């Protein structure tokens, strides 16, 4: 602040800091995944990898409604969720490399990120596989009277799975503290939603189980944050589960192996025009809450963080051959 300037009100300073925090997280996710795509192409990262470009507002917006005690269950497209939850870029990158310093000791890779310190329970490669896990976590919390919720992310393709219907039914019957978040990006792998579901309004699925649901623009960070806060508050009040449908879009193909022949390039470009990061930057600048200098400094910090993550992964250790069966078979013997 220059001499003679009026000090910024405390509430505005807090709003600015909060918005900068969320923008940093979205940019970190986008730049981190860009580096992952580069490393995958150079065969530093192997196996399957599904990128989150375009959907950053969902993970970042929803995470603002959660506490450190809440649990998070995600899909195989979970790098963004993991970073927004607070798992370090170093730990995630090491996991992508398959190194023992990774958050899953290098045994999970891209689709199976796990971190007990942040209560991040996957990373689940099976479509819909995280839903019953979330119900189990929430049931345990309710039985033991722990005041926390479980947030479960899943794609719209999961609503065609039996696990979705079973999980929604049990969560409603038992009034469990679950925040269901459907990331509706319109394509379950390569199949358009309209070609796989006779009812394309995902919120209508929740109505069948008497669960309150709301649809929100998943490309609008502020809208997602507001809707998530409202939904989480209802769950915490003891009124049972809530479902939030975030209507979003992935800018990249389903996976690094996907030739992406099922959607027009013009459609992708049209959605890129609604990029949640670019939109949020414009909004902050219009409000006078972000300068070009601040944005540049943010990008520089992110570049350093990603470079450090790559260096950490490169210097990591491979799991010793003699430990390959560890965590596979139990050492416990029955009497």
C-alpha atoms as a PDB file:
ATOM      1  CA  UNK A   1       0.000   0.000   0.000  1.00  0.00           C
ATOM      2  CA  UNK A   2       1.391   3.406  -0.970  1.00  0.00           C
ATOM      3  CA  UNK A   3       1.543   6.374   1.403  1.00  0.00           C
ATOM      4  CA  UNK A   4      -1.759   8.195   1.601  1.00  0.00           C
ATOM      5  CA  UNK A   5      -3.824   5.168   0.510  1.00  0.00           C
ATOM      6  CA  UNK A   6      -6.770   4.095   2.631  1.00  0.00           C
ATOM      7  CA  UNK A   7      -6.181   0.686   4.283  1.00  0.00           C
ATOM      8  CA  UNK A   8      -8.221  -2.123   2.736  1.00  0.00           C
ATOM      9  CA  UNK A   9     -11.100  -3.245   5.004  1.00  0.00           C
ATOM     10  CA  UNK A  10     -10.366  -6.503   6.806  1.00  0.00           C
ATOM     11  CA  UNK A  11     -13.255  -8.359   5.165  1.00  0.00           C
ATOM     12  CA  UNK A  12     -12.062  -7.341   1.705  1.00  0.00           C
ATOM     13  CA  UNK A  13      -8.498  -8.396   2.510  1.00  0.00           C
ATOM     14  CA  UNK A  14      -9.783 -11.782   3.656  1.00  0.00           C
ATOM     15  CA  UNK A  15     -11.886 -12.157   0.517  1.00  0.00           C
ATOM     16  CA  UNK A  16      -8.881 -11.270  -1.623  1.00  0.00           C
ATOM     17  CA  UNK A  17      -6.663 -13.804   0.163  1.00  0.00           C
ATOM     18  CA  UNK A  18      -9.320 -16.501  -0.127  1.00  0.00           C
ATOM     19  CA  UNK A  19      -9.812 -15.863  -3.831  1.00  0.00           C
ATOM     20  CA  UNK A  20      -6.054 -15.862  -4.431  1.00  0.00           C
ATOM     21  CA  UNK A  21      -5.839 -19.186  -2.587  1.00  0.00           C
ATOM     22  CA  UNK A  22      -8.511 -20.744  -4.798  1.00  0.00           C
ATOM     23  CA  UNK A  23      -6.984 -19.350  -7.986  1.00  0.00           C
ATOM     24  CA  UNK A  24      -3.584 -20.690  -6.960  1.00  0.00           C
ATOM     25  CA  UNK A  25      -5.075 -24.143  -6.459  1.00  0.00           C
ATOM     26  CA  UNK A  26      -6.789 -24.166  -9.851  1.00  0.00           C
ATOM     27  CA  UNK A  27      -3.633 -22.981 -11.594  1.00  0.00           C
ATOM     28  CA  UNK A  28      -1.536 -25.534  -9.714  1.00  0.00           C
ATOM     29  CA  UNK A  29      -3.836 -28.341 -10.858  1.00  0.00           C
ATOM     30  CA  UNK A  30      -3.737 -27.168 -14.487  1.00  0.00           C
ATOM     31  CA  UNK A  31       0.063 -26.708 -14.582  1.00  0.00           C
ATOM     32  CA  UNK A  32       0.750 -29.898 -12.618  1.00  0.00           C
ATOM     33  CA  UNK A  33      -1.291 -31.954 -15.035  1.00  0.00           C
ATOM     34  CA  UNK A  34       0.332 -30.271 -18.009  1.00  0.00           C
ATOM     35  CA  UNK A  35       3.693 -31.405 -16.654  1.00  0.00           C
ATOM     36  CA  UNK A  36       2.295 -34.900 -16.037  1.00  0.00           C
ATOM     37  CA  UNK A  37       1.192 -35.135 -19.686  1.00  0.00           C
ATOM     38  CA  UNK A  38       4.699 -34.112 -20.747  1.00  0.00           C
ATOM     39  CA  UNK A  39       6.306 -36.676 -18.443  1.00  0.00           C
ATOM     40  CA  UNK A  40       3.904 -39.365 -19.626  1.00  0.00           C
ATOM     41  CA  UNK A  41       4.889 -38.702 -23.236  1.00  0.00           C
ATOM     42  CA  UNK A  42       8.550 -39.081 -22.279  1.00  0.00           C
ATOM     43  CA  UNK A  43       7.663 -42.368 -20.475  1.00  0.00           C
ATOM     44  CA  UNK A  44       8.645 -41.101 -17.029  1.00  0.00           C
ATOM     45  CA  UNK A  45       5.080 -41.855 -15.921  1.00  0.00           C
ATOM     46  CA  UNK A  46       3.603 -45.189 -16.981  1.00  0.00           C
ATOM     47  CA  UNK A  47       0.265 -46.975 -16.797  1.00  0.00           C
ATOM     48  CA  UNK A  48      -3.095 -45.233 -17.169  1.00  0.00           C
ATOM     49  CA  UNK A  49      -3.567 -41.521 -16.571  1.00  0.00           C
ATOM     50  CA  UNK A  50      -6.737 -39.427 -16.712  1.00  0.00           C
ATOM     51  CA  UNK A  51      -6.376 -35.654 -16.638  1.00  0.00           C
ATOM     52  CA  UNK A  52      -8.674 -33.108 -15.004  1.00  0.00           C
ATOM     53  CA  UNK A  53      -8.196 -30.047 -17.262  1.00  0.00           C
ATOM     54  CA  UNK A  54     -11.385 -27.998 -17.382  1.00  0.00           C
ATOM     55  CA  UNK A  55     -12.911 -29.390 -14.188  1.00  0.00           C
ATOM     56  CA  UNK A  56     -10.694 -27.538 -11.673  1.00  0.00           C
ATOM     57  CA  UNK A  57     -13.524 -25.377 -10.319  1.00  0.00           C
ATOM     58  CA  UNK A  58     -15.339 -28.463  -9.036  1.00  0.00           C
ATOM     59  CA  UNK A  59     -12.540 -29.858  -6.869  1.00  0.00           C
ATOM     60  CA  UNK A  60     -11.396 -26.466  -5.609  1.00  0.00           C
ATOM     61  CA  UNK A  61     -14.886 -25.115  -5.014  1.00  0.00           C
ATOM     62  CA  UNK A  62     -16.171 -28.164  -3.151  1.00  0.00           C
ATOM     63  CA  UNK A  63     -13.062 -28.478  -0.962  1.00  0.00           C
ATOM     64  CA  UNK A  64     -13.797 -25.059   0.545  1.00  0.00           C
ATOM     65  CA  UNK A  65     -16.824 -26.564   2.298  1.00  0.00           C
ATOM     66  CA  UNK A  66     -14.857 -29.348   3.985  1.00  0.00           C
ATOM     67  CA  UNK A  67     -12.954 -29.490   7.261  1.00  0.00           C
ATOM     68  CA  UNK A  68      -9.725 -31.349   7.970  1.00  0.00           C
ATOM     69  CA  UNK A  69     -11.738 -34.058   9.775  1.00  0.00           C
ATOM     70  CA  UNK A  70     -14.004 -34.789   6.818  1.00  0.00           C
ATOM     71  CA  UNK A  71     -13.230 -37.693   4.492  1.00  0.00           C
ATOM     72  CA  UNK A  72     -12.816 -37.436   0.722  1.00  0.00           C
ATOM     73  CA  UNK A  73     -13.414 -40.279  -1.730  1.00  0.00           C
ATOM     74  CA  UNK A  74     -12.555 -39.621  -5.371  1.00  0.00           C
ATOM     75  CA  UNK A  75     -12.473 -41.248  -8.803  1.00  0.00           C
ATOM     76  CA  UNK A  76      -9.554 -42.291 -11.007  1.00  0.00           C
ATOM     77  CA  UNK A  77      -9.435 -38.690 -12.325  1.00  0.00           C
ATOM     78  CA  UNK A  78      -8.342 -37.489  -8.896  1.00  0.00           C
ATOM     79  CA  UNK A  79      -5.125 -35.458  -9.226  1.00  0.00           C
ATOM     80  CA  UNK A  80      -7.110 -32.247  -8.882  1.00  0.00           C
ATOM     81  CA  UNK A  81      -8.971 -33.472  -5.810  1.00  0.00           C
ATOM     82  CA  UNK A  82      -5.733 -34.600  -4.178  1.00  0.00           C
ATOM     83  CA  UNK A  83      -3.953 -31.285  -4.756  1.00  0.00           C
ATOM     84  CA  UNK A  84      -6.975 -29.271  -3.623  1.00  0.00           C
ATOM     85  CA  UNK A  85      -7.240 -31.448  -0.519  1.00  0.00           C
ATOM     86  CA  UNK A  86      -3.682 -30.539   0.455  1.00  0.00           C
ATOM     87  CA  UNK A  87      -1.632 -33.561  -0.571  1.00  0.00           C
ATOM     88  CA  UNK A  88       1.736 -32.198  -1.643  1.00  0.00           C
ATOM     89  CA  UNK A  89       2.715 -32.036  -5.302  1.00  0.00           C
ATOM     90  CA  UNK A  90       5.940 -33.845  -4.354  1.00  0.00           C
ATOM     91  CA  UNK A  91       4.051 -36.776  -2.830  1.00  0.00           C
ATOM     92  CA  UNK A  92       1.679 -37.039  -5.784  1.00  0.00           C
ATOM     93  CA  UNK A  93       4.410 -36.776  -8.413  1.00  0.00           C
ATOM     94  CA  UNK A  94       6.480 -39.431  -6.660  1.00  0.00           C
ATOM     95  CA  UNK A  95       3.426 -41.673  -6.726  1.00  0.00           C
ATOM     96  CA  UNK A  96       2.991 -41.044 -10.441  1.00  0.00           C
ATOM     97  CA  UNK A  97       6.603 -42.128 -10.922  1.00  0.00           C
ATOM     98  CA  UNK A  98       5.970 -45.284  -8.883  1.00  0.00           C
ATOM     99  CA  UNK A  99       8.464 -44.292  -6.180  1.00  0.00           C
ATOM    100  CA  UNK A 100       8.174 -45.375  -2.544  1.00  0.00           C
ATOM    101  CA  UNK A 101       8.097 -41.708  -1.426  1.00  0.00           C
ATOM    102  CA  UNK A 102       4.719 -41.385  -3.138  1.00  0.00           C
ATOM    103  CA  UNK A 103       1.509 -41.014  -1.131  1.00  0.00           C
ATOM    104  CA  UNK A 104       0.708 -44.702  -1.812  1.00  0.00           C
ATOM    105  CA  UNK A 105       4.357 -45.815  -1.646  1.00  0.00           C
ATOM    106  CA  UNK A 106       4.442 -46.013  -5.441  1.00  0.00           C
ATOM    107  CA  UNK A 107       1.999 -48.916  -5.474  1.00  0.00           C
ATOM    108  CA  UNK A 108      -1.074 -47.027  -6.669  1.00  0.00           C
ATOM    109  CA  UNK A 109       0.061 -44.703  -9.397  1.00  0.00           C
ATOM    110  CA  UNK A 110      -2.189 -42.151 -11.063  1.00  0.00           C
ATOM    111  CA  UNK A 111      -5.514 -43.833 -10.283  1.00  0.00           C
ATOM    112  CA  UNK A 112      -4.923 -44.799  -6.652  1.00  0.00           C
ATOM    113  CA  UNK A 113      -3.770 -41.753  -4.706  1.00  0.00           C
ATOM    114  CA  UNK A 114      -4.280 -42.174  -0.950  1.00  0.00           C
ATOM    115  CA  UNK A 115      -3.278 -40.115   2.062  1.00  0.00           C
ATOM    116  CA  UNK A 116      -4.452 -40.838   5.582  1.00  0.00           C
ATOM    117  CA  UNK A 117      -3.127 -37.528   6.966  1.00  0.00           C
ATOM    118  CA  UNK A 118      -5.587 -35.567   4.841  1.00  0.00           C
ATOM    119  CA  UNK A 119      -8.255 -38.301   5.046  1.00  0.00           C
ATOM    120  CA  UNK A 120      -8.115 -38.786   1.295  1.00  0.00           C
ATOM    121  CA  UNK A 121      -9.406 -42.301   0.578  1.00  0.00           C
ATOM    122  CA  UNK A 122      -8.713 -42.676  -3.136  1.00  0.00           C
ATOM    123  CA  UNK A 123      -8.427 -42.728  -6.086  1.00  0.00           C
ATOM    124  CA  UNK A 124     -10.707 -45.604  -7.189  1.00  0.00           C
ATOM    125  CA  UNK A 125     -10.179 -47.163 -10.608  1.00  0.00           C
ATOM    126  CA  UNK A 126     -13.552 -48.917 -10.742  1.00  0.00           C
ATOM    127  CA  UNK A 127     -16.387 -46.689 -11.973  1.00  0.00           C
ATOM    128  CA  UNK A 128     -18.682 -46.108  -8.996  1.00  0.00           C
ATOM    129  CA  UNK A 129     -16.334 -48.029  -6.708  1.00  0.00           C
ATOM    130  CA  UNK A 130     -15.899 -45.147  -4.294  1.00  0.00           C
ATOM    131  CA  UNK A 131     -19.617 -44.750  -3.569  1.00  0.00           C
ATOM    132  CA  UNK A 132     -20.064 -47.719  -1.188  1.00  0.00           C
ATOM    133  CA  UNK A 133     -16.757 -46.815   0.490  1.00  0.00           C
ATOM    134  CA  UNK A 134     -18.116 -43.345   1.201  1.00  0.00           C
ATOM    135  CA  UNK A 135     -21.313 -44.820   2.639  1.00  0.00           C
ATOM    136  CA  UNK A 136     -19.242 -47.087   4.908  1.00  0.00           C
ATOM    137  CA  UNK A 137     -17.123 -44.201   6.171  1.00  0.00           C
ATOM    138  CA  UNK A 138     -20.211 -42.109   6.849  1.00  0.00           C
ATOM    139  CA  UNK A 139     -21.947 -44.995   8.626  1.00  0.00           C
ATOM    140  CA  UNK A 140     -18.935 -45.434  10.908  1.00  0.00           C
ATOM    141  CA  UNK A 141     -18.989 -41.731  11.750  1.00  0.00           C
ATOM    142  CA  UNK A 142     -22.693 -41.779  12.527  1.00  0.00           C
ATOM    143  CA  UNK A 143     -22.485 -44.891  14.705  1.00  0.00           C
ATOM    144  CA  UNK A 144     -19.570 -43.444  16.648  1.00  0.00           C
ATOM    145  CA  UNK A 145     -21.228 -40.002  16.788  1.00  0.00           C
ATOM    146  CA  UNK A 146     -18.333 -38.181  15.123  1.00  0.00           C
ATOM    147  CA  UNK A 147     -19.383 -34.740  13.807  1.00  0.00           C
ATOM    148  CA  UNK A 148     -17.977 -34.966  10.295  1.00  0.00           C
ATOM    149  CA  UNK A 149     -19.064 -35.790   6.774  1.00  0.00           C
ATOM    150  CA  UNK A 150     -17.762 -37.801   3.841  1.00  0.00           C
ATOM    151  CA  UNK A 151     -17.527 -36.139   0.442  1.00  0.00           C
ATOM    152  CA  UNK A 152     -17.740 -38.535  -2.489  1.00  0.00           C
ATOM    153  CA  UNK A 153     -16.852 -37.459  -6.042  1.00  0.00           C
ATOM    154  CA  UNK A 154     -18.047 -39.525  -9.003  1.00  0.00           C
ATOM    155  CA  UNK A 155     -18.718 -39.054 -12.704  1.00  0.00           C
ATOM    156  CA  UNK A 156     -22.104 -39.123 -14.393  1.00  0.00           C
ATOM    157  CA  UNK A 157     -21.191 -42.513 -15.876  1.00  0.00           C
ATOM    158  CA  UNK A 158     -21.368 -43.975 -12.366  1.00  0.00           C
ATOM    159  CA  UNK A 159     -25.114 -43.356 -12.124  1.00  0.00           C
ATOM    160  CA  UNK A 160     -25.622 -46.317 -14.460  1.00  0.00           C
ATOM    161  CA  UNK A 161     -23.863 -48.606 -11.978  1.00  0.00           C
ATOM    162  CA  UNK A 162     -25.603 -50.621  -9.295  1.00  0.00           C
ATOM    163  CA  UNK A 163     -23.262 -49.206  -6.641  1.00  0.00           C
ATOM    164  CA  UNK A 164     -24.715 -45.753  -7.208  1.00  0.00           C
ATOM    165  CA  UNK A 165     -28.297 -46.840  -6.557  1.00  0.00           C
ATOM    166  CA  UNK A 166     -27.398 -49.069  -3.620  1.00  0.00           C
ATOM    167  CA  UNK A 167     -25.297 -46.337  -2.037  1.00  0.00           C
ATOM    168  CA  UNK A 168     -27.894 -43.604  -2.500  1.00  0.00           C
ATOM    169  CA  UNK A 169     -30.592 -45.865  -1.093  1.00  0.00           C
ATOM    170  CA  UNK A 170     -28.637 -46.844   2.029  1.00  0.00           C
ATOM    171  CA  UNK A 171     -27.416 -43.286   2.647  1.00  0.00           C
ATOM    172  CA  UNK A 172     -31.025 -42.075   2.541  1.00  0.00           C
ATOM    173  CA  UNK A 173     -32.428 -44.930   4.620  1.00  0.00           C
ATOM    174  CA  UNK A 174     -29.822 -44.452   7.346  1.00  0.00           C
ATOM    175  CA  UNK A 175     -29.657 -40.649   6.999  1.00  0.00           C
ATOM    176  CA  UNK A 176     -25.889 -40.726   6.615  1.00  0.00           C
ATOM    177  CA  UNK A 177     -23.655 -37.627   6.478  1.00  0.00           C
ATOM    178  CA  UNK A 178     -22.578 -37.935   2.842  1.00  0.00           C
ATOM    179  CA  UNK A 179     -22.092 -35.143   0.334  1.00  0.00           C
ATOM    180  CA  UNK A 180     -22.398 -36.805  -3.076  1.00  0.00           C
ATOM    181  CA  UNK A 181     -20.731 -34.726  -5.812  1.00  0.00           C
ATOM    182  CA  UNK A 182     -21.422 -35.770  -9.398  1.00  0.00           C
ATOM    183  CA  UNK A 183     -18.910 -34.349 -11.862  1.00  0.00           C
ATOM    184  CA  UNK A 184     -21.052 -34.429 -14.975  1.00  0.00           C
ATOM    185  CA  UNK A 185     -18.637 -33.861 -17.876  1.00  0.00           C
ATOM    186  CA  UNK A 186     -21.160 -35.244 -20.416  1.00  0.00           C
ATOM    187  CA  UNK A 187     -19.042 -38.213 -21.542  1.00  0.00           C
ATOM    188  CA  UNK A 188     -18.623 -41.481 -19.649  1.00  0.00           C
ATOM    189  CA  UNK A 189     -15.364 -42.434 -21.325  1.00  0.00           C
ATOM    190  CA  UNK A 190     -16.452 -42.158 -24.963  1.00  0.00           C
ATOM    191  CA  UNK A 191     -20.222 -42.348 -24.619  1.00  0.00           C
ATOM    192  CA  UNK A 192     -22.317 -39.189 -24.532  1.00  0.00           C
ATOM    193  CA  UNK A 193     -24.728 -38.912 -21.611  1.00  0.00           C
ATOM    194  CA  UNK A 194     -27.733 -38.667 -23.925  1.00  0.00           C
ATOM    195  CA  UNK A 195     -26.789 -42.022 -25.467  1.00  0.00           C
ATOM    196  CA  UNK A 196     -26.477 -43.862 -22.164  1.00  0.00           C
ATOM    197  CA  UNK A 197     -29.180 -42.399 -19.892  1.00  0.00           C
ATOM    198  CA  UNK A 198     -32.858 -42.000 -20.718  1.00  0.00           C
ATOM    199  CA  UNK A 199     -33.041 -39.278 -18.041  1.00  0.00           C
ATOM    200  CA  UNK A 200     -30.082 -36.925 -18.402  1.00  0.00           C
ATOM    201  CA  UNK A 201     -30.957 -34.748 -15.399  1.00  0.00           C
ATOM    202  CA  UNK A 202     -28.747 -36.340 -12.736  1.00  0.00           C
ATOM    203  CA  UNK A 203     -30.534 -34.545  -9.896  1.00  0.00           C
ATOM    204  CA  UNK A 204     -33.664 -36.501 -10.811  1.00  0.00           C
ATOM    205  CA  UNK A 205     -31.832 -39.691  -9.831  1.00  0.00           C
ATOM    206  CA  UNK A 206     -31.478 -38.380  -6.280  1.00  0.00           C
ATOM    207  CA  UNK A 207     -35.183 -37.558  -6.087  1.00  0.00           C
ATOM    208  CA  UNK A 208     -35.931 -41.257  -6.481  1.00  0.00           C
ATOM    209  CA  UNK A 209     -34.243 -41.836  -3.118  1.00  0.00           C
ATOM    210  CA  UNK A 210     -35.716 -38.760  -1.432  1.00  0.00           C
ATOM    211  CA  UNK A 211     -32.310 -37.066  -1.381  1.00  0.00           C
ATOM    212  CA  UNK A 212     -32.086 -33.317  -1.826  1.00  0.00           C
ATOM    213  CA  UNK A 213     -30.063 -32.382  -4.900  1.00  0.00           C
ATOM    214  CA  UNK A 214     -28.956 -29.264  -6.733  1.00  0.00           C
ATOM    215  CA  UNK A 215     -27.381 -28.716 -10.144  1.00  0.00           C
ATOM    216  CA  UNK A 216     -24.708 -26.040 -10.477  1.00  0.00           C
ATOM    217  CA  UNK A 217     -22.508 -24.628 -13.241  1.00  0.00           C
ATOM    218  CA  UNK A 218     -19.304 -26.572 -12.713  1.00  0.00           C
ATOM    219  CA  UNK A 219     -17.322 -24.063 -14.773  1.00  0.00           C
ATOM    220  CA  UNK A 220     -18.090 -21.276 -12.277  1.00  0.00           C
ATOM    221  CA  UNK A 221     -15.883 -21.520  -9.183  1.00  0.00           C
ATOM    222  CA  UNK A 222     -17.924 -19.081  -7.118  1.00  0.00           C
ATOM    223  CA  UNK A 223     -21.164 -20.904  -7.920  1.00  0.00           C
ATOM    224  CA  UNK A 224     -19.657 -24.269  -6.989  1.00  0.00           C
ATOM    225  CA  UNK A 225     -18.264 -22.933  -3.712  1.00  0.00           C
ATOM    226  CA  UNK A 226     -21.608 -21.387  -2.750  1.00  0.00           C
ATOM    227  CA  UNK A 227     -23.589 -24.523  -3.606  1.00  0.00           C
ATOM    228  CA  UNK A 228     -21.091 -26.786  -1.824  1.00  0.00           C
ATOM    229  CA  UNK A 229     -21.209 -24.688   1.345  1.00  0.00           C
ATOM    230  CA  UNK A 230     -25.003 -24.849   1.338  1.00  0.00           C
ATOM    231  CA  UNK A 231     -25.036 -28.604   0.722  1.00  0.00           C
ATOM    232  CA  UNK A 232     -22.373 -29.349   3.342  1.00  0.00           C
ATOM    233  CA  UNK A 233     -24.210 -27.258   5.935  1.00  0.00           C
ATOM    234  CA  UNK A 234     -27.369 -29.287   5.379  1.00  0.00           C
ATOM    235  CA  UNK A 235     -25.461 -32.555   5.737  1.00  0.00           C
ATOM    236  CA  UNK A 236     -23.816 -31.336   8.966  1.00  0.00           C
ATOM    237  CA  UNK A 237     -27.227 -30.357  10.360  1.00  0.00           C
ATOM    238  CA  UNK A 238     -28.159 -34.040  10.502  1.00  0.00           C
ATOM    239  CA  UNK A 239     -30.713 -33.936   7.679  1.00  0.00           C
ATOM    240  CA  UNK A 240     -29.085 -36.756   5.767  1.00  0.00           C
ATOM    241  CA  UNK A 241     -27.199 -36.916   2.471  1.00  0.00           C
ATOM    242  CA  UNK A 242     -27.222 -34.273  -0.243  1.00  0.00           C
ATOM    243  CA  UNK A 243     -26.191 -34.561  -3.891  1.00  0.00           C
ATOM    244  CA  UNK A 244     -24.566 -31.806  -5.884  1.00  0.00           C
ATOM    245  CA  UNK A 245     -24.420 -32.146  -9.665  1.00  0.00           C
ATOM    246  CA  UNK A 246     -21.605 -30.038 -11.105  1.00  0.00           C
ATOM    247  CA  UNK A 247     -22.103 -29.631 -14.856  1.00  0.00           C
ATOM    248  CA  UNK A 248     -18.590 -29.391 -16.219  1.00  0.00           C
ATOM    249  CA  UNK A 249     -16.396 -30.514 -19.121  1.00  0.00           C
ATOM    250  CA  UNK A 250     -12.982 -32.076 -19.547  1.00  0.00           C
ATOM    251  CA  UNK A 251     -10.782 -30.373 -22.114  1.00  0.00           C
ATOM    252  CA  UNK A 252      -8.563 -33.386 -22.755  1.00  0.00           C
ATOM    253  CA  UNK A 253      -9.425 -36.876 -23.938  1.00  0.00           C
ATOM    254  CA  UNK A 254     -10.720 -39.447 -21.458  1.00  0.00           C
ATOM    255  CA  UNK A 255      -7.214 -40.840 -20.935  1.00  0.00           C
ATOM    256  CA  UNK A 256      -3.783 -40.635 -22.503  1.00  0.00           C
ATOM    257  CA  UNK A 257      -4.746 -43.638 -24.688  1.00  0.00           C
ATOM    258  CA  UNK A 258      -8.007 -42.138 -25.943  1.00  0.00           C
ATOM    259  CA  UNK A 259      -8.048 -41.137 -29.679  1.00  0.00           C
ATOM    260  CA  UNK A 260     -11.116 -38.988 -28.869  1.00  0.00           C
ATOM    261  CA  UNK A 261     -13.189 -39.756 -31.954  1.00  0.00           C
ATOM    262  CA  UNK A 262     -16.550 -39.356 -30.224  1.00  0.00           C
ATOM    263  CA  UNK A 263     -16.803 -35.552 -29.950  1.00  0.00           C
ATOM    264  CA  UNK A 264     -16.220 -32.667 -32.344  1.00  0.00           C
ATOM    265  CA  UNK A 265     -13.218 -30.399 -31.933  1.00  0.00           C
ATOM    266  CA  UNK A 266     -15.547 -27.431 -32.279  1.00  0.00           C
ATOM    267  CA  UNK A 267     -17.452 -28.611 -29.193  1.00  0.00           C
ATOM    268  CA  UNK A 268     -14.254 -28.849 -27.176  1.00  0.00           C
ATOM    269  CA  UNK A 269     -13.144 -25.387 -28.285  1.00  0.00           C
ATOM    270  CA  UNK A 270     -16.538 -23.934 -27.381  1.00  0.00           C
ATOM    271  CA  UNK A 271     -16.237 -25.311 -23.847  1.00  0.00           C
ATOM    272  CA  UNK A 272     -12.674 -24.031 -23.570  1.00  0.00           C
ATOM    273  CA  UNK A 273     -14.172 -20.596 -24.061  1.00  0.00           C
ATOM    274  CA  UNK A 274     -15.797 -21.138 -20.656  1.00  0.00           C
ATOM    275  CA  UNK A 275     -12.522 -22.091 -18.943  1.00  0.00           C
ATOM    276  CA  UNK A 276     -13.087 -21.778 -15.174  1.00  0.00           C
ATOM    277  CA  UNK A 277      -9.588 -20.426 -14.582  1.00  0.00           C
ATOM    278  CA  UNK A 278      -9.761 -17.717 -17.249  1.00  0.00           C
ATOM    279  CA  UNK A 279     -13.261 -16.762 -16.084  1.00  0.00           C
ATOM    280  CA  UNK A 280     -12.176 -16.454 -12.451  1.00  0.00           C
ATOM    281  CA  UNK A 281      -9.126 -14.371 -13.401  1.00  0.00           C
ATOM    282  CA  UNK A 282     -11.368 -11.980 -15.340  1.00  0.00           C
ATOM    283  CA  UNK A 283     -13.750 -11.738 -12.402  1.00  0.00           C
ATOM    284  CA  UNK A 284     -10.996 -10.946  -9.902  1.00  0.00           C
ATOM    285  CA  UNK A 285      -9.494  -8.313 -12.171  1.00  0.00           C
ATOM    286  CA  UNK A 286     -12.885  -6.692 -12.652  1.00  0.00           C
ATOM    287  CA  UNK A 287     -13.278  -6.543  -8.865  1.00  0.00           C
ATOM    288  CA  UNK A 288      -9.808  -5.069  -8.462  1.00  0.00           C
ATOM    289  CA  UNK A 289      -8.678  -8.118  -6.517  1.00  0.00           C
ATOM    290  CA  UNK A 290      -5.934  -9.309  -8.868  1.00  0.00           C
ATOM    291  CA  UNK A 291      -3.176  -7.556 -10.770  1.00  0.00           C
ATOM    292  CA  UNK A 292      -1.049  -8.838 -13.630  1.00  0.00           C
ATOM    293  CA  UNK A 293       1.965  -8.714 -11.302  1.00  0.00           C
ATOM    294  CA  UNK A 294       0.210 -10.861  -8.692  1.00  0.00           C
ATOM    295  CA  UNK A 295      -0.817 -13.368 -11.350  1.00  0.00           C
ATOM    296  CA  UNK A 296       2.735 -13.526 -12.705  1.00  0.00           C
ATOM    297  CA  UNK A 297       4.144 -14.077  -9.205  1.00  0.00           C
ATOM    298  CA  UNK A 298       1.588 -16.823  -8.633  1.00  0.00           C
ATOM    299  CA  UNK A 299       2.621 -18.586 -11.837  1.00  0.00           C
ATOM    300  CA  UNK A 300       6.281 -18.345 -10.825  1.00  0.00           C
ATOM    301  CA  UNK A 301       5.586 -19.921  -7.428  1.00  0.00           C
ATOM    302  CA  UNK A 302       3.650 -22.729  -9.093  1.00  0.00           C
ATOM    303  CA  UNK A 303       6.467 -23.370 -11.587  1.00  0.00           C
ATOM    304  CA  UNK A 304       8.913 -23.718  -8.705  1.00  0.00           C
ATOM    305  CA  UNK A 305       6.543 -26.039  -6.823  1.00  0.00           C
ATOM    306  CA  UNK A 306       6.187 -28.289  -9.865  1.00  0.00           C
ATOM    307  CA  UNK A 307       9.930 -28.291 -10.589  1.00  0.00           C
ATOM    308  CA  UNK A 308      10.537 -29.300  -6.972  1.00  0.00           C
ATOM    309  CA  UNK A 309       7.962 -32.089  -7.302  1.00  0.00           C
ATOM    310  CA  UNK A 310       9.646 -33.493 -10.411  1.00  0.00           C
ATOM    311  CA  UNK A 311      13.080 -33.322  -8.767  1.00  0.00           C
ATOM    312  CA  UNK A 312      11.672 -35.071  -5.682  1.00  0.00           C
ATOM    313  CA  UNK A 313      10.184 -37.849  -7.817  1.00  0.00           C
ATOM    314  CA  UNK A 314      13.348 -38.254  -9.876  1.00  0.00           C
ATOM    315  CA  UNK A 315      15.419 -38.635  -6.703  1.00  0.00           C
ATOM    316  CA  UNK A 316      12.975 -41.106  -5.150  1.00  0.00           C
ATOM    317  CA  UNK A 317      13.626 -44.771  -4.424  1.00  0.00           C
ATOM    318  CA  UNK A 318      12.060 -47.809  -6.047  1.00  0.00           C
ATOM    319  CA  UNK A 319      10.372 -50.325  -3.769  1.00  0.00           C
ATOM    320  CA  UNK A 320      12.886 -53.108  -2.952  1.00  0.00           C
ATOM    321  CA  UNK A 321      12.098 -56.413  -4.664  1.00  0.00           C
ATOM    322  CA  UNK A 322      12.018 -58.189  -1.304  1.00  0.00           C
ATOM    323  CA  UNK A 323       9.085 -55.987  -0.222  1.00  0.00           C
ATOM    324  CA  UNK A 324       6.860 -56.560  -3.238  1.00  0.00           C
ATOM    325  CA  UNK A 325       4.467 -58.788  -1.297  1.00  0.00           C
ATOM    326  CA  UNK A 326       4.216 -56.337   1.605  1.00  0.00           C
ATOM    327  CA  UNK A 327       0.613 -55.102   2.042  1.00  0.00           C
ATOM    328  CA  UNK A 328      -0.524 -57.912  -0.287  1.00  0.00           C
ATOM    329  CA  UNK A 329      -0.537 -60.779   2.200  1.00  0.00           C
ATOM    330  CA  UNK A 330      -1.121 -60.431   5.928  1.00  0.00           C
ATOM    331  CA  UNK A 331       1.664 -61.375   8.305  1.00  0.00           C
ATOM    332  CA  UNK A 332      -0.871 -62.056  11.042  1.00  0.00           C
ATOM    333  CA  UNK A 333      -1.242 -65.722  11.929  1.00  0.00           C
ATOM    334  CA  UNK A 334      -4.378 -67.197  13.437  1.00  0.00           C
ATOM    335  CA  UNK A 335      -4.019 -69.343  16.539  1.00  0.00           C
END
